[in-house]
Amino acid sequence: MFISQAWAQSGGQPQGGGVESMLLIVLMFGVLYFLMIRPQMKRAKEHKAMIEALQKGDEVISGGGILGRVSKLNENYVTLEVAQGVEMTLQRSAIQVVLPKGTIKNIA
């Protein structure tokens, strides 16, 4: 009762509608795609190609940091010789890095 009602006026400028907010969302998704999603997909593709190219005798490092030479290959598993007469079976996806030949010299 004591306060009179105030009616807001636009001041002659049109208010921003859905076009600007939609453009902002599309722009944010584009930045997210190029900075996060695309590089991650590229790394996954490279890792998959490396796993498929494994051969017997390759020297590798697993995700847990185990160094070894590939002694047996299976469709889903890799057997690594980590020391002379000591072998471990790991999943193929656990292999992180393929080392150059001759890097591991202790395994005969």
C-alpha atoms as a PDB file:
ATOM      1  CA  MET A   1       0.000   0.000   0.000  1.00  0.00           C
ATOM      2  CA  PHE A   2       2.796   2.384   0.810  1.00  0.00           C
ATOM      3  CA  ILE A   3       4.907   1.364  -2.170  1.00  0.00           C
ATOM      4  CA  SER A   4       3.734   2.320  -5.595  1.00  0.00           C
ATOM      5  CA  GLN A   5       4.167  -0.172  -8.374  1.00  0.00           C
ATOM      6  CA  ALA A   6       7.062   0.421 -10.737  1.00  0.00           C
ATOM      7  CA  TRP A   7       6.818  -0.840 -14.264  1.00  0.00           C
ATOM      8  CA  ALA A   8      10.087  -1.702 -15.987  1.00  0.00           C
ATOM      9  CA  GLN A   9      10.658  -0.251 -19.399  1.00  0.00           C
ATOM     10  CA  SER A  10      12.929  -1.663 -22.045  1.00  0.00           C
ATOM     11  CA  GLY A  11      14.495   1.700 -22.772  1.00  0.00           C
ATOM     12  CA  GLY A  12      14.091   1.275 -26.508  1.00  0.00           C
ATOM     13  CA  GLN A  13      16.596  -1.605 -26.801  1.00  0.00           C
ATOM     14  CA  PRO A  14      15.322  -5.084 -27.658  1.00  0.00           C
ATOM     15  CA  GLN A  15      16.049  -7.790 -25.116  1.00  0.00           C
ATOM     16  CA  GLY A  16      18.419 -10.673 -26.050  1.00  0.00           C
ATOM     17  CA  GLY A  17      16.426 -13.697 -27.038  1.00  0.00           C
ATOM     18  CA  GLY A  18      17.112 -17.360 -27.549  1.00  0.00           C
ATOM     19  CA  VAL A  19      19.438 -16.867 -30.529  1.00  0.00           C
ATOM     20  CA  GLU A  20      22.302 -15.431 -28.489  1.00  0.00           C
ATOM     21  CA  SER A  21      22.023 -18.017 -25.734  1.00  0.00           C
ATOM     22  CA  MET A  22      21.783 -20.839 -28.275  1.00  0.00           C
ATOM     23  CA  LEU A  23      24.853 -19.512 -30.082  1.00  0.00           C
ATOM     24  CA  LEU A  24      26.748 -19.403 -26.774  1.00  0.00           C
ATOM     25  CA  ILE A  25      25.863 -23.034 -26.009  1.00  0.00           C
ATOM     26  CA  VAL A  26      26.969 -24.153 -29.479  1.00  0.00           C
ATOM     27  CA  LEU A  27      30.222 -22.207 -29.114  1.00  0.00           C
ATOM     28  CA  MET A  28      30.918 -23.772 -25.707  1.00  0.00           C
ATOM     29  CA  PHE A  29      30.284 -27.274 -27.074  1.00  0.00           C
ATOM     30  CA  GLY A  30      32.635 -26.573 -30.000  1.00  0.00           C
ATOM     31  CA  VAL A  31      35.425 -25.482 -27.662  1.00  0.00           C
ATOM     32  CA  LEU A  32      34.837 -28.524 -25.443  1.00  0.00           C
ATOM     33  CA  TYR A  33      34.972 -30.834 -28.460  1.00  0.00           C
ATOM     34  CA  PHE A  34      38.224 -29.457 -29.864  1.00  0.00           C
ATOM     35  CA  LEU A  35      40.029 -29.144 -26.523  1.00  0.00           C
ATOM     36  CA  MET A  36      38.937 -32.332 -24.746  1.00  0.00           C
ATOM     37  CA  ILE A  37      36.948 -34.876 -26.722  1.00  0.00           C
ATOM     38  CA  ARG A  38      38.896 -34.913 -30.002  1.00  0.00           C
ATOM     39  CA  PRO A  39      42.397 -35.324 -28.448  1.00  0.00           C
ATOM     40  CA  GLN A  40      41.131 -38.089 -26.170  1.00  0.00           C
ATOM     41  CA  MET A  41      39.639 -39.973 -29.133  1.00  0.00           C
ATOM     42  CA  LYS A  42      42.924 -39.573 -31.023  1.00  0.00           C
ATOM     43  CA  ARG A  43      44.927 -41.023 -28.102  1.00  0.00           C
ATOM     44  CA  ALA A  44      42.503 -43.948 -27.783  1.00  0.00           C
ATOM     45  CA  LYS A  45      42.824 -44.695 -31.494  1.00  0.00           C
ATOM     46  CA  GLU A  46      46.655 -44.628 -31.299  1.00  0.00           C
ATOM     47  CA  HIS A  47      46.638 -46.925 -28.234  1.00  0.00           C
ATOM     48  CA  LYS A  48      44.331 -49.394 -29.981  1.00  0.00           C
ATOM     49  CA  ALA A  49      46.612 -49.471 -33.048  1.00  0.00           C
ATOM     50  CA  MET A  50      49.653 -50.049 -30.811  1.00  0.00           C
ATOM     51  CA  ILE A  51      47.927 -52.925 -28.985  1.00  0.00           C
ATOM     52  CA  GLU A  52      46.920 -54.579 -32.258  1.00  0.00           C
ATOM     53  CA  ALA A  53      50.471 -54.269 -33.634  1.00  0.00           C
ATOM     54  CA  LEU A  54      52.117 -56.106 -30.706  1.00  0.00           C
ATOM     55  CA  GLN A  55      54.409 -58.950 -31.742  1.00  0.00           C
ATOM     56  CA  LYS A  56      56.348 -61.647 -29.961  1.00  0.00           C
ATOM     57  CA  GLY A  57      59.684 -60.215 -28.816  1.00  0.00           C
ATOM     58  CA  ASP A  58      58.477 -56.624 -28.356  1.00  0.00           C
ATOM     59  CA  GLU A  59      59.691 -54.915 -25.199  1.00  0.00           C
ATOM     60  CA  VAL A  60      56.887 -53.171 -23.360  1.00  0.00           C
ATOM     61  CA  ILE A  61      55.908 -51.339 -20.185  1.00  0.00           C
ATOM     62  CA  SER A  62      52.567 -52.151 -18.577  1.00  0.00           C
ATOM     63  CA  GLY A  63      50.233 -49.720 -16.874  1.00  0.00           C
ATOM     64  CA  GLY A  64      51.617 -50.809 -13.493  1.00  0.00           C
ATOM     65  CA  GLY A  65      55.188 -50.072 -14.561  1.00  0.00           C
ATOM     66  CA  ILE A  66      56.259 -53.656 -15.250  1.00  0.00           C
ATOM     67  CA  LEU A  67      58.935 -53.990 -17.928  1.00  0.00           C
ATOM     68  CA  GLY A  68      59.019 -57.168 -19.947  1.00  0.00           C
ATOM     69  CA  ARG A  69      59.386 -58.836 -23.291  1.00  0.00           C
ATOM     70  CA  VAL A  70      56.329 -60.313 -25.008  1.00  0.00           C
ATOM     71  CA  SER A  71      56.699 -64.089 -25.083  1.00  0.00           C
ATOM     72  CA  LYS A  72      53.161 -65.174 -26.011  1.00  0.00           C
ATOM     73  CA  LEU A  73      50.203 -63.410 -27.579  1.00  0.00           C
ATOM     74  CA  ASN A  74      46.551 -64.225 -27.302  1.00  0.00           C
ATOM     75  CA  GLU A  75      43.488 -62.397 -28.563  1.00  0.00           C
ATOM     76  CA  ASN A  76      42.909 -60.736 -25.184  1.00  0.00           C
ATOM     77  CA  TYR A  77      46.068 -61.481 -23.193  1.00  0.00           C
ATOM     78  CA  VAL A  78      49.817 -60.970 -23.424  1.00  0.00           C
ATOM     79  CA  THR A  79      52.414 -63.042 -21.596  1.00  0.00           C
ATOM     80  CA  LEU A  80      55.457 -61.029 -20.563  1.00  0.00           C
ATOM     81  CA  GLU A  81      58.814 -62.442 -19.601  1.00  0.00           C
ATOM     82  CA  VAL A  82      59.912 -60.145 -16.777  1.00  0.00           C
ATOM     83  CA  ALA A  83      63.008 -62.139 -15.796  1.00  0.00           C
ATOM     84  CA  GLN A  84      64.585 -65.327 -17.053  1.00  0.00           C
ATOM     85  CA  GLY A  85      62.033 -68.051 -16.399  1.00  0.00           C
ATOM     86  CA  VAL A  86      59.491 -65.650 -14.859  1.00  0.00           C
ATOM     87  CA  GLU A  87      56.402 -64.907 -16.925  1.00  0.00           C
ATOM     88  CA  MET A  88      53.296 -62.842 -16.214  1.00  0.00           C
ATOM     89  CA  THR A  89      50.008 -62.781 -18.083  1.00  0.00           C
ATOM     90  CA  LEU A  90      48.383 -59.371 -18.568  1.00  0.00           C
ATOM     91  CA  GLN A  91      45.463 -58.033 -20.524  1.00  0.00           C
ATOM     92  CA  ARG A  92      46.447 -56.424 -23.824  1.00  0.00           C
ATOM     93  CA  SER A  93      44.914 -53.126 -22.744  1.00  0.00           C
ATOM     94  CA  ALA A  94      47.334 -52.992 -19.770  1.00  0.00           C
ATOM     95  CA  ILE A  95      50.263 -52.388 -22.144  1.00  0.00           C
ATOM     96  CA  GLN A  96      51.056 -48.674 -22.196  1.00  0.00           C
ATOM     97  CA  VAL A  97      54.331 -48.253 -24.088  1.00  0.00           C
ATOM     98  CA  VAL A  98      56.249 -50.291 -26.646  1.00  0.00           C
ATOM     99  CA  LEU A  99      59.975 -49.722 -26.142  1.00  0.00           C
ATOM    100  CA  PRO A 100      62.658 -49.784 -28.844  1.00  0.00           C
ATOM    101  CA  LYS A 101      64.384 -53.148 -29.328  1.00  0.00           C
ATOM    102  CA  GLY A 102      67.356 -53.702 -27.024  1.00  0.00           C
ATOM    103  CA  THR A 103      66.113 -51.440 -24.233  1.00  0.00           C
ATOM    104  CA  ILE A 104      65.818 -54.299 -21.752  1.00  0.00           C
ATOM    105  CA  LYS A 105      69.128 -56.109 -21.522  1.00  0.00           C
ATOM    106  CA  ASN A 106      68.712 -58.151 -18.303  1.00  0.00           C
ATOM    107  CA  ILE A 107      66.226 -60.599 -19.752  1.00  0.00           C
ATOM    108  CA  ALA A 108      68.076 -63.209 -21.739  1.00  0.00           C
END
